[in-house]
């Protein structure tokens, strides 16, 4: 026989708080399935967008590298042409 049931309840609740048994939401509850699906869809959409951005970045980078290589080739050809023109007049004037 318990004389003061309120005190027993109070002691039990204090003990439960001390050991961390009090949860923020009632036990045996699940998140709604719609929330789970929405978060999964959001994550999937973000991942898809990120992949598309990375793919476009790689394509752009590849195009830029091709353009740089072409410009370097053109520059090299022009430098050779300038060197050839520098040596040509001096060889003509000497004979």
C-alpha atoms as a PDB file:
ATOM      1  CA  UNK A   1       0.000   0.000   0.000  1.00  0.00           C
ATOM      2  CA  UNK A   2       1.417   3.336  -1.103  1.00  0.00           C
ATOM      3  CA  UNK A   3       0.444   6.328   0.984  1.00  0.00           C
ATOM      4  CA  UNK A   4       1.516   9.028  -1.450  1.00  0.00           C
ATOM      5  CA  UNK A   5       1.210   7.846  -5.048  1.00  0.00           C
ATOM      6  CA  UNK A   6       2.043  11.338  -6.352  1.00  0.00           C
ATOM      7  CA  UNK A   7       5.484  11.158  -4.747  1.00  0.00           C
ATOM      8  CA  UNK A   8       6.136   7.766  -6.307  1.00  0.00           C
ATOM      9  CA  UNK A   9       5.155   9.112  -9.741  1.00  0.00           C
ATOM     10  CA  UNK A  10       7.356  12.165  -9.226  1.00  0.00           C
ATOM     11  CA  UNK A  11      10.330  10.003  -8.222  1.00  0.00           C
ATOM     12  CA  UNK A  12       9.830   7.731 -11.218  1.00  0.00           C
ATOM     13  CA  UNK A  13       9.608  10.664 -13.624  1.00  0.00           C
ATOM     14  CA  UNK A  14      12.733  12.251 -12.140  1.00  0.00           C
ATOM     15  CA  UNK A  15      14.556   8.957 -12.465  1.00  0.00           C
ATOM     16  CA  UNK A  16      13.406   8.605 -16.058  1.00  0.00           C
ATOM     17  CA  UNK A  17      14.732  12.071 -16.868  1.00  0.00           C
ATOM     18  CA  UNK A  18      18.044  11.262 -15.211  1.00  0.00           C
ATOM     19  CA  UNK A  19      18.627   8.142 -17.242  1.00  0.00           C
ATOM     20  CA  UNK A  20      17.321   9.721 -20.441  1.00  0.00           C
ATOM     21  CA  UNK A  21      14.178   7.702 -20.966  1.00  0.00           C
ATOM     22  CA  UNK A  22      11.971  10.686 -21.694  1.00  0.00           C
ATOM     23  CA  UNK A  23      11.820  11.082 -25.448  1.00  0.00           C
ATOM     24  CA  UNK A  24      10.837  14.118 -27.445  1.00  0.00           C
ATOM     25  CA  UNK A  25       8.030  12.222 -29.101  1.00  0.00           C
ATOM     26  CA  UNK A  26       5.959   9.334 -27.839  1.00  0.00           C
ATOM     27  CA  UNK A  27       7.418   5.848 -28.267  1.00  0.00           C
ATOM     28  CA  UNK A  28       6.372   3.530 -31.083  1.00  0.00           C
ATOM     29  CA  UNK A  29       5.674   6.372 -33.499  1.00  0.00           C
ATOM     30  CA  UNK A  30       7.076   6.521 -37.004  1.00  0.00           C
ATOM     31  CA  UNK A  31       7.562   9.463 -39.254  1.00  0.00           C
ATOM     32  CA  UNK A  32       4.875   9.768 -41.831  1.00  0.00           C
ATOM     33  CA  UNK A  33       5.706   7.968 -45.038  1.00  0.00           C
ATOM     34  CA  UNK A  34       5.082  11.139 -47.060  1.00  0.00           C
ATOM     35  CA  UNK A  35       7.797  12.951 -45.085  1.00  0.00           C
ATOM     36  CA  UNK A  36      10.227  10.138 -45.732  1.00  0.00           C
ATOM     37  CA  UNK A  37       9.425  10.150 -49.433  1.00  0.00           C
ATOM     38  CA  UNK A  38       9.759  13.932 -49.664  1.00  0.00           C
ATOM     39  CA  UNK A  39      13.139  13.975 -47.999  1.00  0.00           C
ATOM     40  CA  UNK A  40      14.320  11.128 -50.214  1.00  0.00           C
ATOM     41  CA  UNK A  41      13.076  12.912 -53.328  1.00  0.00           C
ATOM     42  CA  UNK A  42      14.754  16.164 -52.248  1.00  0.00           C
ATOM     43  CA  UNK A  43      18.042  14.357 -51.701  1.00  0.00           C
ATOM     44  CA  UNK A  44      17.750  12.589 -55.055  1.00  0.00           C
ATOM     45  CA  UNK A  45      16.969  15.837 -56.903  1.00  0.00           C
ATOM     46  CA  UNK A  46      19.933  17.604 -55.305  1.00  0.00           C
ATOM     47  CA  UNK A  47      22.246  14.734 -56.219  1.00  0.00           C
ATOM     48  CA  UNK A  48      20.973  14.719 -59.819  1.00  0.00           C
ATOM     49  CA  UNK A  49      21.438  18.489 -60.158  1.00  0.00           C
ATOM     50  CA  UNK A  50      24.937  18.290 -58.699  1.00  0.00           C
ATOM     51  CA  UNK A  51      25.870  15.508 -61.123  1.00  0.00           C
ATOM     52  CA  UNK A  52      24.540  17.511 -64.078  1.00  0.00           C
ATOM     53  CA  UNK A  53      26.514  20.579 -63.005  1.00  0.00           C
ATOM     54  CA  UNK A  54      29.703  18.549 -62.665  1.00  0.00           C
ATOM     55  CA  UNK A  55      29.148  16.958 -66.074  1.00  0.00           C
ATOM     56  CA  UNK A  56      28.674  20.383 -67.710  1.00  0.00           C
ATOM     57  CA  UNK A  57      31.764  21.684 -65.926  1.00  0.00           C
ATOM     58  CA  UNK A  58      33.849  18.795 -67.268  1.00  0.00           C
ATOM     59  CA  UNK A  59      32.543  19.379 -70.814  1.00  0.00           C
ATOM     60  CA  UNK A  60      33.334  23.096 -70.626  1.00  0.00           C
ATOM     61  CA  UNK A  61      36.776  22.402 -69.222  1.00  0.00           C
ATOM     62  CA  UNK A  62      37.491  19.949 -72.034  1.00  0.00           C
ATOM     63  CA  UNK A  63      36.417  22.514 -74.660  1.00  0.00           C
ATOM     64  CA  UNK A  64      38.637  25.144 -73.040  1.00  0.00           C
ATOM     65  CA  UNK A  65      41.626  22.795 -72.994  1.00  0.00           C
ATOM     66  CA  UNK A  66      41.153  22.057 -76.711  1.00  0.00           C
ATOM     67  CA  UNK A  67      40.970  25.774 -77.472  1.00  0.00           C
ATOM     68  CA  UNK A  68      44.119  26.438 -75.408  1.00  0.00           C
ATOM     69  CA  UNK A  69      46.000  23.684 -77.278  1.00  0.00           C
ATOM     70  CA  UNK A  70      44.899  25.133 -80.629  1.00  0.00           C
ATOM     71  CA  UNK A  71      45.986  28.643 -79.625  1.00  0.00           C
ATOM     72  CA  UNK A  72      49.371  27.313 -78.448  1.00  0.00           C
ATOM     73  CA  UNK A  73      49.870  25.597 -81.804  1.00  0.00           C
ATOM     74  CA  UNK A  74      48.985  28.788 -83.664  1.00  0.00           C
ATOM     75  CA  UNK A  75      51.337  30.772 -81.437  1.00  0.00           C
ATOM     76  CA  UNK A  76      54.159  28.323 -82.055  1.00  0.00           C
ATOM     77  CA  UNK A  77      53.600  28.525 -85.829  1.00  0.00           C
ATOM     78  CA  UNK A  78      53.613  32.332 -85.733  1.00  0.00           C
ATOM     79  CA  UNK A  79      56.830  32.369 -83.680  1.00  0.00           C
ATOM     80  CA  UNK A  80      58.480  30.044 -86.217  1.00  0.00           C
ATOM     81  CA  UNK A  81      57.301  32.323 -89.026  1.00  0.00           C
ATOM     82  CA  UNK A  82      58.746  35.379 -87.272  1.00  0.00           C
ATOM     83  CA  UNK A  83      62.066  33.601 -86.697  1.00  0.00           C
ATOM     84  CA  UNK A  84      62.149  32.537 -90.330  1.00  0.00           C
ATOM     85  CA  UNK A  85      61.557  36.131 -91.479  1.00  0.00           C
ATOM     86  CA  UNK A  86      64.313  37.396 -89.161  1.00  0.00           C
ATOM     87  CA  UNK A  87      66.883  34.990 -90.603  1.00  0.00           C
ATOM     88  CA  UNK A  88      65.795  35.455 -94.224  1.00  0.00           C
ATOM     89  CA  UNK A  89      66.745  39.144 -94.695  1.00  0.00           C
ATOM     90  CA  UNK A  90      70.144  38.734 -93.045  1.00  0.00           C
ATOM     91  CA  UNK A  91      71.046  35.833 -95.344  1.00  0.00           C
ATOM     92  CA  UNK A  92      69.985  37.843 -98.416  1.00  0.00           C
ATOM     93  CA  UNK A  93      72.082  40.879 -97.481  1.00  0.00           C
ATOM     94  CA  UNK A  94      75.310  38.928 -96.867  1.00  0.00           C
ATOM     95  CA  UNK A  95      76.014  37.498-100.405  1.00  0.00           C
END
